[in-house]
Protein backbone atom coordinates (compact mmCIF):
# COMPACT_ATOMS: atom_id res chain seq x y z
CA MET A 1 6.85 4.01 -46.86
CA ASP A 2 7.03 1.65 -49.71
CA SER A 3 4.16 -0.81 -49.48
CA SER A 4 6.16 -3.89 -50.61
CA ASN A 5 8.40 -3.36 -47.84
CA ASN A 6 8.55 -7.06 -45.65
CA SER A 7 11.92 -7.72 -44.04
CA LYS A 8 10.82 -10.97 -42.86
CA SER A 9 9.11 -12.61 -45.98
CA THR A 10 12.13 -14.15 -47.07
CA SER A 11 13.43 -15.93 -44.07
CA SER A 12 9.87 -15.98 -41.78
CA SER A 13 6.35 -16.32 -43.87
CA PHE A 14 3.46 -18.47 -43.89
CA GLY A 15 3.50 -20.77 -47.08
CA SER A 16 -0.12 -20.05 -47.83
CA LYS A 17 -2.89 -18.20 -47.20
CA ILE A 18 -5.11 -21.10 -45.67
CA GLY A 19 -1.98 -21.76 -43.26
CA PHE A 20 -2.36 -17.58 -42.51
CA ILE A 21 -5.81 -17.89 -42.02
CA LEU A 22 -5.61 -20.94 -39.82
CA ALA A 23 -2.85 -19.64 -37.49
CA ALA A 24 -4.60 -16.26 -36.96
CA ALA A 25 -7.73 -17.81 -36.44
CA GLY A 26 -5.68 -20.17 -34.08
CA SER A 27 -4.53 -17.73 -32.15
CA ALA A 28 -8.06 -15.92 -31.91
CA VAL A 29 -9.60 -19.28 -30.70
CA GLY A 30 -8.68 -20.12 -27.31
CA LEU A 31 -9.90 -20.23 -23.89
CA GLY A 32 -11.99 -16.94 -23.86
CA ASN A 33 -14.09 -18.74 -26.64
CA ILE A 34 -14.62 -21.80 -24.84
CA TRP A 35 -15.58 -20.89 -21.20
CA ARG A 36 -16.03 -16.87 -21.17
CA PHE A 37 -18.22 -16.54 -24.19
CA PRO A 38 -21.11 -18.81 -23.43
CA TYR A 39 -20.90 -17.38 -19.73
CA LEU A 40 -21.34 -14.25 -20.70
CA ALA A 41 -24.19 -15.70 -23.24
CA ALA A 42 -25.63 -16.80 -20.25
CA LYS A 43 -25.55 -13.63 -18.14
CA TYR A 44 -26.51 -11.10 -20.47
CA GLY A 45 -29.95 -12.55 -22.40
CA GLY A 46 -28.58 -15.37 -24.47
CA GLY A 47 -29.94 -14.37 -27.93
CA ILE A 48 -29.85 -10.35 -27.81
CA PHE A 49 -26.14 -10.85 -26.21
CA LEU A 50 -24.96 -13.08 -29.28
CA LEU A 51 -26.78 -10.62 -31.72
CA ILE A 52 -25.35 -7.77 -30.08
CA TYR A 53 -21.82 -9.77 -30.49
CA LEU A 54 -22.19 -10.82 -34.06
CA LEU A 55 -23.02 -7.29 -35.20
CA LEU A 56 -19.63 -6.00 -33.31
CA ALA A 57 -17.90 -8.94 -34.82
CA VAL A 58 -17.98 -7.68 -38.52
CA THR A 59 -17.86 -3.92 -37.34
CA PHE A 60 -15.65 -3.44 -34.74
CA GLY A 61 -14.01 -6.76 -34.26
CA PHE A 62 -13.40 -6.51 -38.04
CA THR A 63 -11.76 -3.16 -38.14
CA LEU A 64 -9.07 -3.51 -35.05
CA MET A 65 -8.09 -6.73 -36.48
CA LEU A 66 -7.49 -5.39 -40.33
CA THR A 67 -5.49 -2.56 -38.66
CA GLU A 68 -2.97 -5.04 -36.55
CA ILE A 69 -2.57 -7.34 -39.46
CA ALA A 70 -2.10 -4.89 -41.65
CA ILE A 71 0.60 -2.88 -39.61
CA GLY A 72 2.61 -6.22 -39.20
CA ARG A 73 2.62 -7.20 -43.23
CA LYS A 74 2.84 -3.35 -44.27
CA THR A 75 6.32 -3.30 -41.68
CA GLY A 76 7.22 -6.57 -41.78
CA LYS A 77 8.64 -6.05 -38.15
CA SER A 78 7.81 -7.38 -35.01
CA VAL A 79 5.19 -5.29 -32.42
CA ILE A 80 7.62 -3.17 -31.18
CA GLY A 81 9.69 -2.62 -34.46
CA ALA A 82 6.15 -2.08 -36.12
CA TYR A 83 4.91 0.88 -34.26
CA LYS A 84 7.97 2.92 -34.14
CA GLU A 85 8.49 2.68 -37.82
CA ILE A 86 5.15 4.27 -38.04
CA ASN A 87 5.73 7.06 -35.49
CA LYS A 88 8.73 7.27 -33.15
CA LYS A 89 6.79 9.44 -30.88
CA PHE A 90 4.46 6.50 -30.12
CA SER A 91 7.17 4.39 -29.18
CA PRO A 92 5.69 3.97 -25.49
CA LEU A 93 2.64 1.66 -27.49
CA CYS A 94 5.09 -0.34 -28.71
CA TRP A 95 6.50 -1.57 -25.38
CA ILE A 96 3.16 -1.82 -23.79
CA ALA A 97 1.37 -4.03 -26.58
CA ALA A 98 5.04 -6.32 -26.39
CA ALA A 99 4.49 -6.56 -22.40
CA VAL A 100 1.04 -7.73 -23.06
CA PRO A 101 1.80 -11.18 -24.22
CA ALA A 102 5.15 -11.62 -22.05
CA LEU A 103 2.60 -11.16 -19.08
CA ILE A 104 -0.37 -13.12 -20.38
CA LEU A 105 1.91 -16.13 -21.72
CA PRO A 106 2.81 -17.72 -18.75
CA TYR A 107 -0.35 -17.52 -16.57
CA TYR A 108 -2.14 -18.68 -19.55
CA CYS A 109 0.26 -21.75 -20.03
CA VAL A 110 -0.85 -22.77 -16.14
CA ILE A 111 -4.52 -22.51 -16.74
CA GLY A 112 -3.56 -24.74 -20.14
CA GLY A 113 -1.92 -26.90 -17.45
CA TRP A 114 -5.27 -27.46 -15.78
CA VAL A 115 -6.82 -28.34 -18.77
CA MET A 116 -4.05 -31.01 -19.92
CA LYS A 117 -4.69 -32.47 -15.72
CA TYR A 118 -8.51 -32.85 -16.66
CA MET A 119 -8.06 -33.82 -20.03
CA THR A 120 -6.23 -37.08 -18.57
CA VAL A 121 -8.65 -37.65 -15.71
CA PHE A 122 -11.86 -38.15 -18.01
CA MET A 123 -9.06 -39.86 -20.73
CA THR A 124 -8.57 -42.49 -17.80
CA GLY A 125 -12.19 -42.76 -16.89
CA ALA A 126 -12.06 -41.01 -13.94
CA GLY A 127 -14.48 -37.98 -14.80
CA ALA A 128 -16.65 -39.24 -11.98
CA ASP A 129 -14.10 -38.15 -9.22
CA ALA A 130 -13.62 -34.66 -11.28
CA ALA A 131 -17.51 -34.37 -10.36
CA ASN A 132 -18.14 -36.38 -7.03
CA LYS A 133 -15.44 -37.02 -5.06
CA SER A 134 -14.89 -35.58 -1.84
CA PHE A 135 -10.77 -34.45 -0.91
CA GLY A 136 -11.80 -33.01 2.43
CA THR A 137 -13.34 -30.36 3.85
CA ASP A 138 -12.28 -26.54 4.28
CA PRO A 139 -12.32 -24.52 7.50
CA ALA A 140 -15.85 -23.89 6.56
CA GLY A 141 -16.88 -27.26 6.57
CA GLU A 142 -17.93 -27.22 2.93
CA SER A 143 -16.50 -30.19 0.91
CA ILE A 144 -13.44 -29.93 -1.32
CA GLY A 145 -13.74 -30.91 -4.99
CA MET A 146 -11.18 -32.33 -7.38
CA PHE A 147 -10.49 -28.40 -8.95
CA SER A 148 -9.57 -26.77 -5.09
CA ASP A 149 -7.76 -30.17 -4.02
CA PHE A 150 -5.78 -29.81 -7.47
CA ILE A 151 -4.56 -26.11 -7.66
CA SER A 152 -3.79 -26.15 -3.65
CA HIS A 153 -0.98 -28.15 -4.17
CA THR A 154 2.04 -27.11 -5.77
CA ALA A 155 3.84 -30.33 -7.38
CA GLN A 156 0.99 -31.58 -9.66
CA PRO A 157 0.13 -28.27 -11.31
CA MET A 158 3.38 -27.56 -12.06
CA VAL A 159 4.57 -30.25 -13.92
CA PHE A 160 1.28 -29.70 -15.68
CA PHE A 161 2.24 -26.35 -16.15
CA VAL A 162 5.92 -27.00 -17.20
CA ILE A 163 4.85 -29.59 -19.88
CA TYR A 164 2.43 -27.61 -21.51
CA VAL A 165 5.10 -24.68 -22.00
CA LEU A 166 7.72 -26.92 -23.52
CA LEU A 167 4.99 -28.28 -26.15
CA ASN A 168 4.77 -25.11 -26.97
CA ALA A 169 7.97 -24.28 -27.17
CA VAL A 170 8.67 -27.25 -29.23
CA VAL A 171 6.37 -25.79 -32.01
CA VAL A 172 7.96 -22.21 -31.84
CA ILE A 173 11.48 -23.49 -32.19
CA LEU A 174 10.40 -25.16 -35.48
CA GLY A 175 9.21 -22.22 -37.13
CA VAL A 176 6.83 -20.41 -38.82
CA GLU A 177 5.84 -22.57 -41.31
CA LYS A 178 7.33 -25.98 -40.13
CA GLY A 179 5.98 -25.42 -36.81
CA ILE A 180 3.26 -23.02 -36.44
CA GLU A 181 1.72 -23.04 -39.82
CA ASN A 182 1.38 -26.92 -39.72
CA VAL A 183 0.69 -27.24 -36.36
CA SER A 184 -2.40 -25.18 -37.11
CA LYS A 185 -3.28 -26.92 -40.15
CA PHE A 186 -3.75 -29.90 -38.14
CA LEU A 187 -5.44 -28.64 -34.77
CA MET A 188 -7.64 -26.13 -36.20
CA PRO A 189 -9.83 -28.74 -38.66
CA VAL A 190 -9.67 -31.10 -35.74
CA LEU A 191 -10.59 -28.44 -33.07
CA LEU A 192 -13.87 -27.87 -35.72
CA LEU A 193 -14.66 -31.46 -36.32
CA ILE A 194 -14.58 -32.04 -32.61
CA ILE A 195 -17.12 -28.85 -31.73
CA ILE A 196 -19.20 -29.42 -34.43
CA GLY A 197 -19.68 -33.09 -33.18
CA ILE A 198 -20.39 -32.45 -29.36
CA THR A 199 -22.76 -29.79 -30.01
CA ILE A 200 -24.66 -32.23 -32.28
CA TYR A 201 -24.73 -34.69 -29.54
CA THR A 202 -25.50 -32.01 -27.11
CA MET A 203 -28.89 -30.88 -29.09
CA THR A 204 -29.96 -34.62 -29.25
CA LEU A 205 -30.44 -34.85 -25.39
CA ASP A 206 -33.76 -34.19 -23.73
CA GLY A 207 -34.11 -31.21 -21.95
CA THR A 208 -31.55 -28.87 -23.98
CA GLY A 209 -34.34 -27.36 -25.84
CA GLN A 210 -35.24 -24.72 -23.27
CA GLY A 211 -31.24 -23.67 -23.15
CA VAL A 212 -31.20 -23.82 -26.83
CA LYS A 213 -34.07 -21.09 -27.27
CA TYR A 214 -32.91 -18.91 -24.32
CA TYR A 215 -29.17 -18.66 -26.24
CA LEU A 216 -30.20 -18.32 -29.92
CA LEU A 217 -33.40 -15.82 -29.24
CA PRO A 218 -33.22 -12.45 -28.57
CA ASP A 219 -35.95 -11.47 -25.91
CA LEU A 220 -36.11 -7.90 -25.36
CA ASP A 221 -38.76 -8.61 -22.41
CA GLY A 222 -37.53 -6.20 -19.45
CA MET A 223 -34.61 -4.83 -21.10
CA THR A 224 -34.07 -1.68 -20.21
CA LEU A 225 -31.26 1.04 -21.40
CA GLU A 226 -28.97 0.20 -18.47
CA LYS A 227 -28.78 -3.39 -19.17
CA LEU A 228 -28.73 -3.11 -22.91
CA LEU A 229 -25.49 -0.85 -22.46
CA LYS A 230 -24.13 -3.47 -19.83
CA THR A 231 -24.46 -6.14 -22.58
CA ILE A 232 -23.06 -4.26 -25.10
CA ALA A 233 -20.20 -3.27 -22.99
CA ALA A 234 -19.97 -7.11 -22.43
CA ALA A 235 -20.17 -7.96 -26.25
CA ALA A 236 -17.24 -5.69 -27.01
CA GLY A 237 -15.34 -6.95 -24.18
CA GLN A 238 -15.60 -10.60 -24.94
CA LEU A 239 -15.02 -9.64 -28.69
CA PHE A 240 -11.91 -7.56 -27.96
CA TYR A 241 -10.31 -10.40 -25.78
CA SER A 242 -11.64 -13.33 -27.99
CA MET A 243 -10.14 -11.92 -31.72
CA SER A 244 -6.35 -11.42 -29.80
CA ILE A 245 -6.67 -7.66 -30.41
CA ALA A 246 -3.89 -5.72 -28.71
CA MET A 247 -1.52 -8.32 -27.94
CA GLY A 248 0.90 -7.90 -30.43
CA ILE A 249 0.31 -11.28 -32.17
CA LEU A 250 -1.92 -9.93 -35.09
CA VAL A 251 0.91 -7.71 -35.61
CA THR A 252 3.27 -10.65 -35.36
CA TYR A 253 1.37 -13.05 -37.60
CA GLY A 254 0.76 -10.16 -40.36
CA SER A 255 4.52 -9.51 -40.44
CA TYR A 256 4.76 -13.37 -41.75
CA MET A 257 1.83 -12.86 -44.01
CA ARG A 258 2.61 -12.95 -48.12
CA LYS A 259 2.23 -9.74 -49.85
CA GLU A 260 0.11 -11.30 -52.67
CA ASP A 261 -2.59 -12.78 -49.89
CA SER A 262 -5.86 -10.48 -49.77
CA LEU A 263 -5.71 -8.87 -46.38
CA GLU A 264 -9.75 -7.94 -46.40
CA SER A 265 -10.75 -11.55 -47.13
CA SER A 266 -8.40 -12.92 -45.03
CA VAL A 267 -9.49 -10.81 -42.40
CA ARG A 268 -13.48 -11.85 -42.83
CA GLN A 269 -12.20 -15.71 -43.03
CA ILE A 270 -10.26 -15.12 -39.56
CA GLU A 271 -13.10 -13.63 -37.80
CA ILE A 272 -15.72 -16.05 -38.96
CA PHE A 273 -13.50 -19.09 -37.74
CA ASP A 274 -13.11 -17.56 -34.77
CA THR A 275 -17.36 -16.77 -34.08
CA VAL A 276 -18.13 -20.00 -35.05
CA VAL A 277 -16.09 -21.84 -32.77
CA ALA A 278 -17.44 -19.30 -29.96
CA VAL A 279 -21.16 -19.55 -31.28
CA LEU A 280 -20.85 -23.23 -30.88
CA ALA A 281 -18.95 -23.32 -27.58
CA GLY A 282 -22.29 -21.71 -25.98
CA MET A 283 -24.43 -24.06 -28.01
CA ILE A 284 -23.03 -27.00 -26.33
CA ILE A 285 -22.39 -25.11 -22.76
CA VAL A 286 -25.63 -23.08 -22.34
CA PRO A 287 -28.17 -25.67 -22.81
CA ALA A 288 -26.43 -28.69 -21.43
CA VAL A 289 -26.08 -26.62 -18.11
CA TYR A 290 -29.60 -25.53 -18.60
CA ALA A 291 -30.67 -29.21 -18.65
CA PHE A 292 -28.28 -31.15 -16.26
CA SER A 293 -27.42 -28.14 -13.59
CA SER A 294 -30.42 -25.87 -13.67
CA GLY A 295 -28.80 -23.33 -15.42
CA ASP A 296 -25.93 -22.31 -13.38
CA VAL A 297 -23.43 -21.19 -15.52
CA ASN A 298 -20.52 -20.17 -13.26
CA ALA A 299 -17.64 -17.65 -14.78
CA GLY A 300 -14.04 -18.92 -15.53
CA PRO A 301 -12.57 -21.84 -14.00
CA GLY A 302 -15.62 -22.46 -12.05
CA LEU A 303 -17.32 -23.58 -15.42
CA MET A 304 -14.89 -25.79 -16.74
CA PHE A 305 -13.25 -27.40 -13.88
CA ILE A 306 -16.40 -27.77 -11.44
CA THR A 307 -19.70 -27.06 -12.99
CA MET A 308 -18.99 -29.30 -16.36
CA PRO A 309 -17.72 -32.01 -15.13
CA LYS A 310 -21.02 -32.36 -13.15
CA VAL A 311 -22.86 -32.40 -16.20
CA PHE A 312 -20.91 -35.01 -18.18
CA ASP A 313 -21.57 -37.16 -15.09
CA GLN A 314 -25.23 -36.72 -15.69
CA MET A 315 -24.86 -36.94 -19.65
CA PRO A 316 -25.49 -40.56 -21.44
CA ALA A 317 -22.08 -41.18 -22.54
CA GLY A 318 -20.93 -38.03 -20.53
CA GLN A 319 -17.15 -39.77 -20.10
CA PHE A 320 -16.24 -40.01 -23.62
CA ILE A 321 -17.86 -36.56 -24.12
CA GLY A 322 -16.01 -34.96 -21.39
CA ALA A 323 -12.96 -36.22 -22.74
CA ALA A 324 -14.01 -35.02 -26.19
CA PHE A 325 -14.53 -31.68 -24.88
CA PHE A 326 -11.30 -31.24 -22.67
CA ILE A 327 -9.52 -32.30 -25.96
CA LEU A 328 -11.18 -29.44 -27.64
CA VAL A 329 -10.47 -26.94 -24.96
CA LEU A 330 -6.43 -28.43 -24.79
CA LEU A 331 -6.48 -27.75 -28.62
CA ALA A 332 -7.87 -24.09 -28.13
CA ALA A 333 -5.42 -23.21 -25.64
CA LEU A 334 -2.40 -24.31 -27.37
CA THR A 335 -3.25 -22.45 -30.55
CA SER A 336 -3.46 -19.17 -28.95
CA SER A 337 -0.44 -20.06 -26.65
CA ILE A 338 1.80 -20.92 -29.47
CA SER A 339 1.19 -17.55 -31.11
CA LEU A 340 1.59 -15.88 -27.22
CA MET A 341 4.79 -17.48 -27.57
CA GLU A 342 5.67 -16.60 -30.93
CA THR A 343 4.92 -13.30 -30.39
CA VAL A 344 7.45 -12.53 -27.62
CA THR A 345 9.71 -14.61 -29.26
CA SER A 346 9.89 -12.90 -32.31
CA VAL A 347 10.56 -9.79 -30.34
CA ILE A 348 13.65 -11.03 -28.66
CA MET A 349 14.78 -12.10 -31.90
CA GLU A 350 14.40 -8.53 -33.81
CA LYS A 351 15.72 -6.62 -30.57
CA THR A 352 18.89 -8.85 -29.63
CA GLY A 353 19.93 -10.82 -33.22
CA MET A 354 19.68 -14.05 -31.24
CA ASP A 355 18.58 -17.35 -33.48
CA ARG A 356 15.19 -18.68 -33.19
CA PHE A 357 16.23 -21.25 -30.85
CA LYS A 358 17.82 -19.18 -27.97
CA SER A 359 15.17 -16.66 -28.26
CA CYS A 360 12.28 -19.08 -27.72
CA MET A 361 14.24 -20.63 -24.50
CA THR A 362 14.77 -17.33 -23.15
CA VAL A 363 10.97 -17.00 -23.33
CA VAL A 364 10.44 -20.43 -21.50
CA ILE A 365 12.50 -19.40 -18.70
CA LEU A 366 10.69 -16.15 -18.18
CA SER A 367 7.29 -17.74 -18.66
CA LEU A 368 8.68 -20.59 -15.83
CA VAL A 369 9.66 -18.31 -13.70
CA LEU A 370 6.68 -15.47 -14.03
CA GLY A 371 4.03 -19.03 -14.10
CA SER A 372 5.28 -20.48 -11.49
CA LEU A 373 4.11 -17.39 -9.17
CA SER A 374 0.61 -18.11 -10.91
CA VAL A 375 1.17 -21.69 -9.63
CA LEU A 376 2.33 -20.99 -6.06
CA GLY A 377 -0.69 -18.37 -5.76
CA TYR A 378 -3.39 -21.11 -5.04
CA SER A 379 -1.00 -23.29 -3.16
CA SER A 380 1.86 -21.93 -0.55
CA TRP A 381 1.15 -18.37 -1.67
CA SER A 382 -2.67 -18.45 -1.33
CA ASP A 383 -2.46 -16.03 1.66
CA VAL A 384 -0.55 -13.55 -1.16
CA THR A 385 -2.89 -11.06 -2.73
CA ILE A 386 -2.32 -8.24 -4.87
CA PHE A 387 -5.42 -5.29 -4.42
CA ASP A 388 -7.35 -8.22 -3.24
CA MET A 389 -6.53 -10.38 -6.22
CA GLN A 390 -4.67 -13.77 -6.39
CA ILE A 391 -1.48 -13.35 -8.73
CA LEU A 392 -2.96 -14.80 -11.69
CA ASP A 393 -5.80 -13.02 -11.25
CA PHE A 394 -3.88 -9.72 -11.17
CA PHE A 395 -1.57 -10.70 -14.33
CA ASP A 396 -5.07 -11.13 -16.16
CA PHE A 397 -6.42 -7.91 -14.80
CA ILE A 398 -3.54 -6.02 -15.60
CA THR A 399 -3.21 -6.72 -18.95
CA ASN A 400 -7.10 -7.64 -20.27
CA ASN A 401 -8.64 -4.46 -18.63
CA ILE A 402 -5.79 -2.20 -18.35
CA MET A 403 -2.32 -2.49 -20.74
CA MET A 404 -5.00 -3.92 -23.79
CA PRO A 405 -7.47 -1.30 -24.21
CA ILE A 406 -4.55 1.29 -24.00
CA VAL A 407 -2.78 -0.58 -26.38
CA ALA A 408 -6.10 -0.63 -29.09
CA LEU A 409 -7.05 2.91 -27.91
CA LEU A 410 -3.61 4.26 -28.93
CA THR A 411 -4.02 2.72 -31.98
CA CYS A 412 -6.98 4.05 -33.05
CA ILE A 413 -5.57 7.60 -32.20
CA LEU A 414 -2.22 6.68 -34.41
CA ILE A 415 -3.70 5.26 -37.42
CA GLY A 416 -7.22 7.24 -37.37
CA TRP A 417 -5.79 10.71 -36.61
CA VAL A 418 -1.96 10.75 -36.93
CA VAL A 419 -0.85 8.95 -39.60
CA LYS A 420 -4.78 8.81 -41.32
CA THR A 421 -6.46 5.86 -42.37
CA LYS A 422 -4.73 6.19 -45.99
CA TYR A 423 -1.24 4.12 -44.26
CA ILE A 424 -3.65 0.96 -43.95
CA GLU A 425 -6.30 1.52 -46.48
CA ASP A 426 -2.65 1.42 -48.98
CA GLU A 427 -1.86 -1.81 -47.70
CA VAL A 428 -5.54 -3.59 -47.95
CA LEU A 429 -5.40 -1.95 -51.73
CA TYR A 430 -1.93 -3.79 -52.37
CA GLY A 431 -2.64 -6.24 -55.19
CA GLU A 432 -6.26 -5.80 -55.01
CA LYS A 433 -8.91 -3.33 -57.07
CA VAL A 434 -11.36 -2.21 -54.36
CA PHE A 435 -11.59 -1.69 -50.54
CA ARG A 436 -15.09 -2.69 -50.04
CA SER A 437 -15.22 -2.00 -46.23
CA LYS A 438 -13.28 1.49 -46.52
CA MET A 439 -16.13 3.71 -45.48
CA LEU A 440 -16.94 1.65 -42.60
CA TYR A 441 -13.32 0.88 -41.66
CA ARG A 442 -12.70 5.14 -41.63
CA ALA A 443 -16.35 5.38 -39.47
CA MET A 444 -14.90 2.73 -37.01
CA ILE A 445 -10.94 3.31 -36.70
CA LYS A 446 -11.45 7.03 -35.83
CA TYR A 447 -14.49 7.32 -34.10
CA VAL A 448 -16.57 4.17 -32.84
CA CYS A 449 -13.95 1.97 -31.78
CA PRO A 450 -12.14 4.74 -29.47
CA VAL A 451 -15.10 5.18 -27.85
CA PHE A 452 -15.74 1.27 -27.36
CA MET A 453 -11.98 1.31 -25.92
CA VAL A 454 -12.80 3.56 -23.46
CA ILE A 455 -15.70 1.92 -22.10
CA ILE A 456 -14.15 -1.17 -22.11
CA LEU A 457 -11.17 0.44 -20.10
CA VAL A 458 -13.38 2.19 -17.63
CA THR A 459 -16.09 -0.19 -16.93
CA PRO A 460 -14.21 -2.37 -14.54
CA PHE A 461 -13.72 0.68 -12.17
CA VAL A 462 -17.34 1.85 -12.31
CA THR A 463 -19.26 -0.96 -12.08
CA LYS A 464 -18.87 -4.64 -11.49
CA ILE A 465 -20.33 -6.48 -14.87
């Protein structure tokens, strides 16, 4: 196929290389960077997890990110059209890839609504209530905190959820350059400044030294082969989710990328931005929790909405830092959910011929319907479970643990063994003299990445990491 083919380049494209990099980095920088990365780093040895993650980022992450962006730019199509154009026998792959963002977006927006709630709590000076106030007791006699009380009701979480969805829609309706690119050019530098500022402040606090040492310095004492393998699997899984791989996002954004911009250098810059944010998030959370919460780093929502408010409550200027922190989290969430909404909107535009506004509003309606299930799953439908999981947890499990690894594995097989790596290499070399990481890329896409995909796919079913 002619490498110059890019059907979207005249109607929808990023206006600059920096706009593309910031938008793609924004899609990668999300809630996974802010709460999942620190939790996993704390659980799997701190410095050793960080070292393994960084090694995987420049190999495993680079390979899959480059592949998806190159596919998008070469075909100039949405995730459905792109995979079909490469090889019609892989048509089922394109539908799975398109379903991933459609299923993730609704529940991601529900969590985004939670973040908005806590941002307003801290900005209105009620951070102490989030940390300490009791809202009654549960049947077991345990005190009910703000977060449990908040999600157990329907009205308020639903309002924040709807507002969050509509915020995303406004940006997507404005289009690629006027909406996504302009917003990313503003939000990403602000996000970086806030996270650097909070990190510096955290490092000046008494008692954080032990947490910094644990987080940054690899310690192999007591490390067994089993622990090492679990740490590698956890780091690979985090990288997989953190970089927006196998969500259709990178293919979509790649289709908007200008032909004259270097693919290889752009991908390197995106992964550097994403990794810096994740590492700095760990520098905020792990030392702070060590200093103010006895090293109790909980997973997921527990870390963000229960542990961190308690940490801020004990921290000097904690009310201000807590407000800045939740603004940071909201910016990270928005840049990711905007990319999810754009990906689904792009598919609908391409398959139906509807304009951007109608396509986006279709996505909004679908998101409100599916997202409402997740809201209700913690309130009026709290007794409803799917395979013993809450509704939101089920959507998260089916997309992150099953669908995304399958998409990435099939992509590796398609590029590495069916159409061969030259398909991607030719696109990388378009307008460039050399593909510096060509030999690394070939080895990773054909052999190493498929093995990691299988590990990530089977791990939840054979062990509890």
